[in-house]
Structure formats: C-alpha cells, structure tokens
Amino acid sequence: MVTTYKLTLDDFLEFQNDMIHHSNQYKRAHSMWVRAMSLPLFALGYAAAFYLVPRPESTIIFILITVGIGLLFALLLRPLLKDLYAPLALWQTRRILNKQDTWPKDVTLQLSDTHVEMQAVRGNVHRTTQVPWTSILKVSENETHRFLYYEEDEALIIPKVKDGVTEVEQSEIERILDKHMNTEKHTSSR
C-alpha cells in the first residue's frame, strides 16, 4: 500500500509531544529540570521571607523561619514546575524549527509485507527511511497521529487525518499495522 501526504511542523511537534510524555530521555530531562528549577523557587521564597517576615529576637529562629518558608515555597510550586516542562520544551522546539525552512515535506509512505518505507522530499533533499516490521519497538497514537518508533527517539509519523490520506487508506494502514505489529499500541490522551 502506498499513500502520500505533506508532513508539517505541527505533525513533528505532535511527535515531540508524544516523546515528552513517553520517552526515558525526556523523563530524565524533566526530572533534572524540576530539580534545577526548585533551587530558584527556594531562593525566591527565602528572599521573600527574609524581607517580609518580622525579625524575632533570636537569629537562629529567624533563619529557620526563612529557610522553612523557602522550602515550603519550593514544595508548593513543584507541581507547577512539572506541568510547565512539556509546554516550555515544545515552545523551545517550535521556536528553533520555525527558523528553519524545512516544512512542509512531501511524504510517500509505503507499507509492504516486510518493511515500512517513508520517503520525505523537501526541495532538493530526499530522505528515505526503511524500517523492517521486526525493528519497530512500539506504536503510539493519539487522536490525530500514529508514531511507529524504531528507536527510542526516532519514529515514523503517520497522520490519521490529512489531506491526501483517505478513510479507506486509513483503514488499510490500521489493518496492516494490526497484521504486522506484535507490540501493544500506546494510546495518548492529552
């Protein structure tokens, strides 16, 4: 089966969003980001307490109060830090990729009995990715896309609803994926 469509920056950002929520690489980066950003939150809480809390007679009690308020401030805002990571990472990726003139790409997807082949064309640049069915690690999908991961951070992006991809082609893609994939699909809901 062969189908063609245009792969846009929004399609690639959907892939990045899927990776942010499911890849070990992004989980490690997310954890480091939360820990690193907790330090400025602690400093902000400490500084606010230092200038706003009335000073008791004991310096030790004052230091304990300001440190306690700084820790409390960092702990209370930690859930906000966790929720901010994905939008900030996507914003940064979009900002970097908007500066490049690489979108949209004309894609030809070929699903055969032995492999999946994706040919992407942008101007004079032709890129062909051929992945045997046995090399696909997992299939992840959301409402608008399917991602066939062949490495932890590399996947073939297949839009579900796109100009040029008919409902008949979508059902054929679904049938072929069900036939060849032994891995479970991971459905995302964001």
N, C-alpha and C. Protein backbone atom coordinates (compact mmCIF):
# COMPACT_ATOMS: atom_id res chain seq x y z
N MET A 1 0.83 -1.17 0.00
CA MET A 1 0.00 0.00 0.00
C MET A 1 0.89 1.25 0.00
N VAL A 2 0.55 2.22 -0.79
CA VAL A 2 1.31 3.47 -0.89
C VAL A 2 0.34 4.64 -0.73
N THR A 3 0.75 5.62 0.08
CA THR A 3 -0.03 6.84 0.25
C THR A 3 0.92 8.03 0.34
N THR A 4 0.43 9.20 -0.02
CA THR A 4 1.26 10.41 0.04
C THR A 4 0.53 11.49 0.82
N TYR A 5 1.30 12.34 1.48
CA TYR A 5 0.76 13.47 2.24
C TYR A 5 1.88 14.46 2.52
N LYS A 6 1.53 15.61 3.07
CA LYS A 6 2.51 16.61 3.48
C LYS A 6 2.70 16.52 4.98
N LEU A 7 3.95 16.42 5.41
CA LEU A 7 4.29 16.40 6.82
C LEU A 7 4.64 17.82 7.22
N THR A 8 3.93 18.37 8.20
CA THR A 8 4.11 19.76 8.60
C THR A 8 4.85 19.86 9.93
N LEU A 9 5.18 21.07 10.29
CA LEU A 9 5.81 21.34 11.59
C LEU A 9 4.89 20.90 12.72
N ASP A 10 3.60 21.12 12.57
CA ASP A 10 2.65 20.70 13.61
C ASP A 10 2.65 19.19 13.80
N ASP A 11 2.80 18.44 12.71
CA ASP A 11 2.89 16.98 12.82
C ASP A 11 4.14 16.59 13.61
N PHE A 12 5.26 17.25 13.31
CA PHE A 12 6.50 16.95 14.02
C PHE A 12 6.39 17.33 15.50
N LEU A 13 5.72 18.43 15.80
CA LEU A 13 5.54 18.84 17.20
C LEU A 13 4.63 17.86 17.94
N GLU A 14 3.67 17.26 17.27
CA GLU A 14 2.86 16.20 17.89
C GLU A 14 3.75 15.02 18.28
N PHE A 15 4.71 14.69 17.40
CA PHE A 15 5.67 13.63 17.72
C PHE A 15 6.51 14.01 18.93
N GLN A 16 7.00 15.25 18.97
CA GLN A 16 7.78 15.71 20.11
C GLN A 16 6.95 15.64 21.40
N ASN A 17 5.69 16.02 21.31
CA ASN A 17 4.81 15.96 22.46
C ASN A 17 4.64 14.52 22.94
N ASP A 18 4.51 13.59 22.01
CA ASP A 18 4.41 12.17 22.38
C ASP A 18 5.69 11.71 23.06
N MET A 19 6.83 12.11 22.52
CA MET A 19 8.11 11.72 23.12
C MET A 19 8.27 12.32 24.52
N ILE A 20 7.85 13.57 24.71
CA ILE A 20 7.98 14.21 26.02
C ILE A 20 7.24 13.42 27.08
N HIS A 21 6.12 12.85 26.71
CA HIS A 21 5.31 12.14 27.70
C HIS A 21 5.67 10.66 27.85
N HIS A 22 6.47 10.10 26.93
CA HIS A 22 6.70 8.66 26.98
C HIS A 22 8.15 8.20 26.90
N SER A 23 9.08 9.04 26.52
CA SER A 23 10.45 8.54 26.35
C SER A 23 11.26 8.71 27.64
N ASN A 24 12.17 7.78 27.85
CA ASN A 24 13.04 7.84 29.03
C ASN A 24 13.95 9.06 28.99
N GLN A 25 14.39 9.43 27.80
CA GLN A 25 15.27 10.60 27.64
C GLN A 25 14.58 11.85 28.18
N TYR A 26 13.33 12.07 27.81
CA TYR A 26 12.62 13.24 28.27
C TYR A 26 12.24 13.14 29.74
N LYS A 27 11.99 11.93 30.23
CA LYS A 27 11.68 11.75 31.66
C LYS A 27 12.89 12.16 32.50
N ARG A 28 14.08 11.78 32.05
CA ARG A 28 15.30 12.17 32.78
C ARG A 28 15.49 13.69 32.71
N ALA A 29 15.29 14.27 31.53
CA ALA A 29 15.44 15.73 31.39
C ALA A 29 14.39 16.46 32.22
N HIS A 30 13.18 15.93 32.26
CA HIS A 30 12.11 16.53 33.06
C HIS A 30 12.47 16.51 34.54
N SER A 31 12.97 15.39 35.01
CA SER A 31 13.36 15.26 36.42
C SER A 31 14.49 16.24 36.78
N MET A 32 15.49 16.34 35.90
CA MET A 32 16.59 17.28 36.15
C MET A 32 16.09 18.72 36.14
N TRP A 33 15.17 19.04 35.22
CA TRP A 33 14.63 20.40 35.12
C TRP A 33 13.88 20.77 36.38
N VAL A 34 13.06 19.86 36.89
CA VAL A 34 12.29 20.14 38.10
C VAL A 34 13.24 20.37 39.27
N ARG A 35 14.27 19.54 39.39
CA ARG A 35 15.23 19.73 40.49
C ARG A 35 15.99 21.05 40.36
N ALA A 36 16.41 21.36 39.14
CA ALA A 36 17.16 22.60 38.93
C ALA A 36 16.30 23.83 39.17
N MET A 37 15.05 23.80 38.76
CA MET A 37 14.17 24.96 38.93
C MET A 37 13.66 25.09 40.37
N SER A 38 13.79 24.02 41.16
CA SER A 38 13.39 24.11 42.57
C SER A 38 14.33 25.03 43.35
N LEU A 39 15.59 25.09 42.93
CA LEU A 39 16.56 25.96 43.62
C LEU A 39 16.19 27.44 43.52
N PRO A 40 15.86 27.96 42.31
CA PRO A 40 15.43 29.36 42.25
C PRO A 40 14.13 29.62 43.02
N LEU A 41 13.23 28.63 43.04
CA LEU A 41 11.99 28.80 43.81
C LEU A 41 12.29 28.89 45.30
N PHE A 42 13.21 28.04 45.76
CA PHE A 42 13.62 28.11 47.17
C PHE A 42 14.23 29.48 47.46
N ALA A 43 15.11 29.94 46.58
CA ALA A 43 15.76 31.24 46.78
C ALA A 43 14.74 32.37 46.79
N LEU A 44 13.75 32.29 45.94
CA LEU A 44 12.71 33.32 45.90
C LEU A 44 11.89 33.32 47.19
N GLY A 45 11.49 32.14 47.64
CA GLY A 45 10.76 32.03 48.91
C GLY A 45 11.60 32.50 50.08
N TYR A 46 12.88 32.14 50.09
CA TYR A 46 13.78 32.56 51.16
C TYR A 46 13.93 34.08 51.17
N ALA A 47 14.15 34.67 49.99
CA ALA A 47 14.33 36.12 49.90
C ALA A 47 13.05 36.86 50.32
N ALA A 48 11.90 36.36 49.88
CA ALA A 48 10.64 37.00 50.26
C ALA A 48 10.46 36.94 51.77
N ALA A 49 10.74 35.79 52.36
CA ALA A 49 10.60 35.65 53.81
C ALA A 49 11.61 36.53 54.53
N PHE A 50 12.81 36.62 53.99
CA PHE A 50 13.87 37.41 54.62
C PHE A 50 13.47 38.88 54.73
N TYR A 51 12.82 39.40 53.69
CA TYR A 51 12.45 40.81 53.69
C TYR A 51 11.06 41.09 54.24
N LEU A 52 10.18 40.10 54.23
CA LEU A 52 8.80 40.36 54.61
C LEU A 52 8.42 39.88 56.02
N VAL A 53 9.11 38.87 56.52
CA VAL A 53 8.79 38.33 57.85
C VAL A 53 9.44 39.21 58.91
N PRO A 54 8.65 39.59 59.93
CA PRO A 54 9.26 40.38 61.02
C PRO A 54 10.35 39.57 61.73
N ARG A 55 11.40 40.25 62.15
CA ARG A 55 12.54 39.57 62.76
C ARG A 55 12.29 39.33 64.25
N PRO A 56 12.36 38.04 64.64
CA PRO A 56 12.29 37.77 66.08
C PRO A 56 13.64 38.11 66.73
N GLU A 57 13.70 38.05 68.03
CA GLU A 57 14.94 38.40 68.73
C GLU A 57 16.06 37.40 68.46
N SER A 58 15.71 36.15 68.25
CA SER A 58 16.71 35.12 68.01
C SER A 58 17.03 35.02 66.52
N THR A 59 18.30 35.10 66.19
CA THR A 59 18.73 34.99 64.80
C THR A 59 18.52 33.57 64.26
N ILE A 60 18.72 32.59 65.10
CA ILE A 60 18.56 31.19 64.68
C ILE A 60 17.10 30.92 64.31
N ILE A 61 16.16 31.43 65.10
CA ILE A 61 14.73 31.24 64.79
C ILE A 61 14.40 31.95 63.47
N PHE A 62 14.95 33.13 63.27
CA PHE A 62 14.70 33.86 62.03
C PHE A 62 15.22 33.08 60.81
N ILE A 63 16.42 32.52 60.93
CA ILE A 63 17.00 31.73 59.82
C ILE A 63 16.16 30.49 59.57
N LEU A 64 15.74 29.82 60.65
CA LEU A 64 14.90 28.62 60.49
C LEU A 64 13.56 28.97 59.82
N ILE A 65 12.96 30.09 60.19
CA ILE A 65 11.69 30.51 59.58
C ILE A 65 11.89 30.82 58.10
N THR A 66 12.93 31.56 57.74
CA THR A 66 13.14 31.91 56.33
C THR A 66 13.48 30.68 55.49
N VAL A 67 14.30 29.77 56.02
CA VAL A 67 14.61 28.54 55.30
C VAL A 67 13.34 27.69 55.15
N GLY A 68 12.57 27.60 56.21
CA GLY A 68 11.31 26.84 56.16
C GLY A 68 10.34 27.40 55.13
N ILE A 69 10.22 28.72 55.09
CA ILE A 69 9.32 29.34 54.09
C ILE A 69 9.87 29.11 52.69
N GLY A 70 11.17 29.19 52.52
CA GLY A 70 11.77 28.92 51.21
C GLY A 70 11.50 27.49 50.75
N LEU A 71 11.67 26.52 51.66
CA LEU A 71 11.37 25.12 51.32
C LEU A 71 9.89 24.92 51.02
N LEU A 72 9.03 25.53 51.83
CA LEU A 72 7.59 25.42 51.62
C LEU A 72 7.20 26.01 50.26
N PHE A 73 7.77 27.15 49.93
CA PHE A 73 7.51 27.80 48.64
C PHE A 73 7.90 26.88 47.49
N ALA A 74 9.10 26.28 47.58
CA ALA A 74 9.57 25.38 46.52
C ALA A 74 8.69 24.12 46.43
N LEU A 75 8.29 23.57 47.56
CA LEU A 75 7.46 22.37 47.55
C LEU A 75 6.05 22.63 47.03
N LEU A 76 5.48 23.77 47.38
CA LEU A 76 4.13 24.08 46.93
C LEU A 76 4.07 24.37 45.43
N LEU A 77 5.14 24.93 44.88
CA LEU A 77 5.15 25.24 43.45
C LEU A 77 5.73 24.12 42.58
N ARG A 78 6.17 23.04 43.19
CA ARG A 78 6.74 21.91 42.45
C ARG A 78 5.76 21.33 41.42
N PRO A 79 4.47 21.13 41.74
CA PRO A 79 3.54 20.63 40.72
C PRO A 79 3.43 21.56 39.50
N LEU A 80 3.53 22.86 39.73
CA LEU A 80 3.51 23.80 38.63
C LEU A 80 4.72 23.60 37.72
N LEU A 81 5.88 23.36 38.33
CA LEU A 81 7.09 23.10 37.55
C LEU A 81 6.93 21.86 36.69
N LYS A 82 6.33 20.82 37.26
CA LYS A 82 6.13 19.58 36.50
C LYS A 82 5.22 19.83 35.30
N ASP A 83 4.17 20.64 35.48
CA ASP A 83 3.23 20.91 34.40
C ASP A 83 3.81 21.85 33.35
N LEU A 84 4.76 22.67 33.70
CA LEU A 84 5.33 23.64 32.77
C LEU A 84 6.37 23.05 31.82
N TYR A 85 6.94 21.91 32.18
CA TYR A 85 8.04 21.37 31.38
C TYR A 85 7.63 21.09 29.93
N ALA A 86 6.55 20.35 29.72
CA ALA A 86 6.15 19.98 28.34
C ALA A 86 5.85 21.21 27.48
N PRO A 87 5.03 22.17 27.94
CA PRO A 87 4.79 23.35 27.09
C PRO A 87 6.05 24.15 26.78
N LEU A 88 6.94 24.26 27.76
CA LEU A 88 8.18 25.00 27.52
C LEU A 88 9.10 24.27 26.54
N ALA A 89 9.17 22.95 26.66
CA ALA A 89 10.00 22.17 25.72
C ALA A 89 9.44 22.27 24.30
N LEU A 90 8.12 22.20 24.16
CA LEU A 90 7.51 22.33 22.82
C LEU A 90 7.68 23.74 22.28
N TRP A 91 7.54 24.73 23.13
CA TRP A 91 7.73 26.12 22.69
C TRP A 91 9.16 26.32 22.18
N GLN A 92 10.13 25.78 22.91
CA GLN A 92 11.53 25.91 22.51
C GLN A 92 11.78 25.19 21.17
N THR A 93 11.23 24.00 21.02
CA THR A 93 11.39 23.25 19.78
C THR A 93 10.75 24.00 18.61
N ARG A 94 9.54 24.52 18.81
CA ARG A 94 8.85 25.28 17.76
C ARG A 94 9.67 26.51 17.37
N ARG A 95 10.20 27.21 18.35
CA ARG A 95 10.99 28.42 18.09
C ARG A 95 12.22 28.11 17.25
N ILE A 96 12.89 27.01 17.57
CA ILE A 96 14.09 26.62 16.83
C ILE A 96 13.72 26.19 15.40
N LEU A 97 12.67 25.38 15.28
CA LEU A 97 12.31 24.84 13.96
C LEU A 97 11.64 25.87 13.06
N ASN A 98 11.00 26.89 13.63
CA ASN A 98 10.40 27.94 12.81
C ASN A 98 11.46 28.73 12.05
N LYS A 99 12.67 28.77 12.58
CA LYS A 99 13.76 29.50 11.93
C LYS A 99 14.31 28.73 10.73
N GLN A 100 14.01 27.44 10.66
CA GLN A 100 14.50 26.62 9.56
C GLN A 100 13.43 26.53 8.48
N ASP A 101 13.87 26.47 7.26
CA ASP A 101 12.94 26.37 6.13
C ASP A 101 12.84 24.92 5.68
N THR A 102 12.34 24.05 6.56
CA THR A 102 12.29 22.62 6.23
C THR A 102 10.87 22.06 6.19
N TRP A 103 9.88 22.89 6.38
CA TRP A 103 8.50 22.40 6.42
C TRP A 103 7.66 23.12 5.38
N PRO A 104 6.69 22.51 4.79
CA PRO A 104 6.29 21.10 4.90
C PRO A 104 7.16 20.21 4.02
N LYS A 105 7.05 18.91 4.28
CA LYS A 105 7.77 17.91 3.49
C LYS A 105 6.76 17.02 2.80
N ASP A 106 7.02 16.72 1.54
CA ASP A 106 6.19 15.76 0.82
C ASP A 106 6.63 14.36 1.22
N VAL A 107 5.68 13.55 1.69
CA VAL A 107 6.00 12.22 2.19
C VAL A 107 5.25 11.17 1.39
N THR A 108 5.97 10.12 1.04
CA THR A 108 5.37 8.94 0.44
C THR A 108 5.59 7.78 1.40
N LEU A 109 4.50 7.21 1.87
CA LEU A 109 4.55 6.10 2.82
C LEU A 109 4.18 4.83 2.09
N GLN A 110 5.07 3.83 2.21
CA GLN A 110 4.81 2.54 1.58
C GLN A 110 4.85 1.46 2.66
N LEU A 111 3.75 0.74 2.79
CA LEU A 111 3.66 -0.36 3.74
C LEU A 111 3.69 -1.67 2.95
N SER A 112 4.74 -2.46 3.15
CA SER A 112 4.85 -3.73 2.43
C SER A 112 4.80 -4.88 3.44
N ASP A 113 4.94 -6.08 2.95
CA ASP A 113 4.90 -7.25 3.83
C ASP A 113 6.13 -7.37 4.72
N THR A 114 7.26 -6.77 4.31
CA THR A 114 8.50 -6.93 5.06
C THR A 114 8.93 -5.67 5.81
N HIS A 115 8.49 -4.50 5.35
CA HIS A 115 9.00 -3.27 5.94
C HIS A 115 8.05 -2.09 5.71
N VAL A 116 8.38 -1.00 6.38
CA VAL A 116 7.71 0.28 6.17
C VAL A 116 8.76 1.20 5.57
N GLU A 117 8.40 1.89 4.51
CA GLU A 117 9.33 2.83 3.88
C GLU A 117 8.68 4.20 3.82
N MET A 118 9.43 5.20 4.28
CA MET A 118 8.95 6.58 4.22
C MET A 118 9.97 7.40 3.45
N GLN A 119 9.50 8.03 2.38
CA GLN A 119 10.36 8.92 1.60
C GLN A 119 9.87 10.35 1.82
N ALA A 120 10.76 11.20 2.33
CA ALA A 120 10.44 12.60 2.58
C ALA A 120 11.23 13.46 1.60
N VAL A 121 10.54 14.41 0.98
CA VAL A 121 11.18 15.29 0.00
C VAL A 121 10.90 16.73 0.39
N ARG A 122 11.96 17.53 0.47
CA ARG A 122 11.84 18.97 0.71
C ARG A 122 12.85 19.63 -0.19
N GLY A 123 12.37 20.27 -1.25
CA GLY A 123 13.28 20.89 -2.22
C GLY A 123 14.11 19.83 -2.90
N ASN A 124 15.44 19.97 -2.82
CA ASN A 124 16.36 19.02 -3.43
C ASN A 124 16.81 17.92 -2.46
N VAL A 125 16.29 17.94 -1.25
CA VAL A 125 16.70 16.97 -0.24
C VAL A 125 15.70 15.82 -0.23
N HIS A 126 16.22 14.61 -0.47
CA HIS A 126 15.41 13.40 -0.45
C HIS A 126 15.92 12.51 0.68
N ARG A 127 15.02 12.08 1.54
CA ARG A 127 15.41 11.20 2.64
C ARG A 127 14.50 9.99 2.62
N THR A 128 15.11 8.81 2.61
CA THR A 128 14.35 7.57 2.63
C THR A 128 14.68 6.82 3.92
N THR A 129 13.64 6.44 4.63
CA THR A 129 13.80 5.65 5.84
C THR A 129 13.06 4.34 5.62
N GLN A 130 13.78 3.23 5.73
CA GLN A 130 13.19 1.92 5.53
C GLN A 130 13.38 1.13 6.82
N VAL A 131 12.26 0.71 7.41
CA VAL A 131 12.31 0.03 8.70
C VAL A 131 11.59 -1.31 8.59
N PRO A 132 12.28 -2.42 8.87
CA PRO A 132 11.62 -3.73 8.88
C PRO A 132 10.57 -3.76 10.02
N TRP A 133 9.51 -4.50 9.80
CA TRP A 133 8.46 -4.59 10.82
C TRP A 133 9.02 -5.09 12.15
N THR A 134 10.01 -5.96 12.10
CA THR A 134 10.57 -6.51 13.33
C THR A 134 11.37 -5.47 14.12
N SER A 135 11.77 -4.38 13.49
CA SER A 135 12.56 -3.34 14.16
C SER A 135 11.70 -2.27 14.83
N ILE A 136 10.41 -2.32 14.63
CA ILE A 136 9.53 -1.32 15.25
C ILE A 136 9.33 -1.71 16.71
N LEU A 137 9.75 -0.82 17.61
CA LEU A 137 9.71 -1.10 19.04
C LEU A 137 8.32 -0.94 19.63
N LYS A 138 7.61 0.10 19.20
CA LYS A 138 6.26 0.32 19.71
C LYS A 138 5.49 1.23 18.76
N VAL A 139 4.18 1.17 18.90
CA VAL A 139 3.29 2.05 18.16
C VAL A 139 2.58 2.90 19.19
N SER A 140 2.68 4.19 19.03
CA SER A 140 1.98 5.12 19.92
C SER A 140 1.05 5.94 19.05
N GLU A 141 -0.11 6.29 19.59
CA GLU A 141 -1.03 7.08 18.80
C GLU A 141 -1.85 8.01 19.69
N ASN A 142 -2.32 9.09 19.07
CA ASN A 142 -3.27 9.99 19.71
C ASN A 142 -4.42 10.17 18.74
N GLU A 143 -5.22 11.20 18.94
CA GLU A 143 -6.40 11.39 18.08
C GLU A 143 -6.02 11.68 16.64
N THR A 144 -4.87 12.26 16.40
CA THR A 144 -4.53 12.74 15.06
C THR A 144 -3.34 12.05 14.39
N HIS A 145 -2.55 11.28 15.13
CA HIS A 145 -1.32 10.71 14.57
C HIS A 145 -1.04 9.31 15.10
N ARG A 146 -0.25 8.57 14.31
CA ARG A 146 0.36 7.32 14.76
C ARG A 146 1.87 7.51 14.68
N PHE A 147 2.58 6.96 15.65
CA PHE A 147 4.04 7.06 15.68
C PHE A 147 4.60 5.64 15.77
N LEU A 148 5.34 5.24 14.75
CA LEU A 148 5.98 3.93 14.74
C LEU A 148 7.43 4.11 15.17
N TYR A 149 7.70 3.84 16.43
CA TYR A 149 9.05 4.03 16.98
C TYR A 149 9.95 2.88 16.57
N TYR A 150 11.06 3.24 15.93
CA TYR A 150 12.07 2.24 15.60
C TYR A 150 13.35 2.47 16.40
N GLU A 151 13.43 3.56 17.14
CA GLU A 151 14.44 3.84 18.15
C GLU A 151 13.72 4.60 19.25
N GLU A 152 14.37 4.80 20.38
CA GLU A 152 13.70 5.50 21.48
C GLU A 152 13.28 6.91 21.08
N ASP A 153 14.10 7.57 20.25
CA ASP A 153 13.80 8.96 19.90
C ASP A 153 13.58 9.16 18.40
N GLU A 154 13.30 8.10 17.66
CA GLU A 154 13.03 8.18 16.23
C GLU A 154 11.77 7.40 15.92
N ALA A 155 10.90 8.01 15.11
CA ALA A 155 9.67 7.33 14.74
C ALA A 155 9.21 7.79 13.37
N LEU A 156 8.44 6.94 12.74
CA LEU A 156 7.76 7.31 11.51
C LEU A 156 6.43 7.95 11.92
N ILE A 157 6.17 9.14 11.42
CA ILE A 157 4.97 9.88 11.79
C ILE A 157 3.92 9.66 10.71
N ILE A 158 2.78 9.11 11.11
CA ILE A 158 1.69 8.85 10.17
C ILE A 158 0.45 9.59 10.66
N PRO A 159 0.09 10.68 10.00
CA PRO A 159 -1.12 11.40 10.39
C PRO A 159 -2.37 10.56 10.11
N LYS A 160 -3.35 10.65 11.00
CA LYS A 160 -4.61 9.93 10.79
C LYS A 160 -5.54 10.72 9.87
N VAL A 161 -5.58 12.01 10.06
CA VAL A 161 -6.46 12.86 9.25
C VAL A 161 -5.57 13.88 8.55
N LYS A 162 -5.49 13.78 7.23
CA LYS A 162 -4.61 14.67 6.47
C LYS A 162 -5.12 14.75 5.05
N ASP A 163 -4.94 15.89 4.42
CA ASP A 163 -5.27 16.00 3.01
C ASP A 163 -4.44 14.98 2.24
N GLY A 164 -5.09 14.20 1.42
CA GLY A 164 -4.38 13.21 0.63
C GLY A 164 -4.46 11.81 1.20
N VAL A 165 -4.83 11.66 2.48
CA VAL A 165 -4.97 10.35 3.10
C VAL A 165 -6.47 10.12 3.32
N THR A 166 -7.02 9.21 2.57
CA THR A 166 -8.45 8.95 2.63
C THR A 166 -8.80 8.01 3.78
N GLU A 167 -10.09 7.90 4.08
CA GLU A 167 -10.54 6.99 5.13
C GLU A 167 -10.23 5.54 4.76
N VAL A 168 -10.33 5.23 3.48
CA VAL A 168 -10.01 3.87 3.02
C VAL A 168 -8.54 3.56 3.28
N GLU A 169 -7.65 4.54 2.98
CA GLU A 169 -6.22 4.35 3.24
C GLU A 169 -5.96 4.23 4.74
N GLN A 170 -6.68 5.00 5.54
CA GLN A 170 -6.51 4.91 7.00
C GLN A 170 -6.89 3.53 7.51
N SER A 171 -8.00 3.01 7.03
CA SER A 171 -8.41 1.66 7.48
C SER A 171 -7.43 0.60 6.99
N GLU A 172 -6.86 0.80 5.80
CA GLU A 172 -5.85 -0.14 5.29
C GLU A 172 -4.57 -0.05 6.12
N ILE A 173 -4.17 1.15 6.50
CA ILE A 173 -3.00 1.32 7.37
C ILE A 173 -3.25 0.61 8.70
N GLU A 174 -4.42 0.79 9.27
CA GLU A 174 -4.78 0.15 10.54
C GLU A 174 -4.72 -1.37 10.41
N ARG A 175 -5.26 -1.89 9.32
CA ARG A 175 -5.26 -3.34 9.09
C ARG A 175 -3.83 -3.88 8.98
N ILE A 176 -2.99 -3.19 8.22
CA ILE A 176 -1.60 -3.63 8.03
C ILE A 176 -0.83 -3.55 9.35
N LEU A 177 -1.05 -2.48 10.11
CA LEU A 177 -0.37 -2.37 11.41
C LEU A 177 -0.80 -3.50 12.34
N ASP A 178 -2.09 -3.79 12.38
CA ASP A 178 -2.57 -4.88 13.23
C ASP A 178 -1.97 -6.22 12.80
N LYS A 179 -1.81 -6.40 11.51
CA LYS A 179 -1.26 -7.65 10.97
C LYS A 179 0.20 -7.85 11.37
N HIS A 180 0.99 -6.76 11.31
CA HIS A 180 2.44 -6.90 11.47
C HIS A 180 2.97 -6.60 12.87
N MET A 181 2.21 -5.90 13.67
CA MET A 181 2.75 -5.46 14.94
C MET A 181 2.42 -6.44 16.06
N ASN A 182 3.46 -6.88 16.75
CA ASN A 182 3.29 -7.74 17.92
C ASN A 182 3.31 -6.92 19.20
N THR A 183 3.73 -5.64 19.08
CA THR A 183 3.78 -4.78 20.25
C THR A 183 2.43 -4.13 20.47
N GLU A 184 2.17 -3.77 21.72
CA GLU A 184 0.91 -3.10 22.04
C GLU A 184 0.97 -1.65 21.62
N LYS A 185 -0.18 -1.13 21.24
CA LYS A 185 -0.26 0.28 20.91
C LYS A 185 -0.39 1.05 22.20
N HIS A 186 0.26 2.20 22.25
CA HIS A 186 0.17 3.08 23.40
C HIS A 186 -0.66 4.26 22.98
N THR A 187 -1.85 4.39 23.54
CA THR A 187 -2.74 5.47 23.18
C THR A 187 -2.55 6.63 24.13
N SER A 188 -2.34 7.82 23.57
CA SER A 188 -2.12 9.01 24.36
C SER A 188 -3.41 9.79 24.46
N SER A 189 -3.64 10.37 25.62
CA SER A 189 -4.77 11.31 25.75
C SER A 189 -4.26 12.51 26.51
N ARG A 190 -4.13 13.60 25.79
CA ARG A 190 -3.63 14.84 26.41
C ARG A 190 -4.65 15.90 26.16
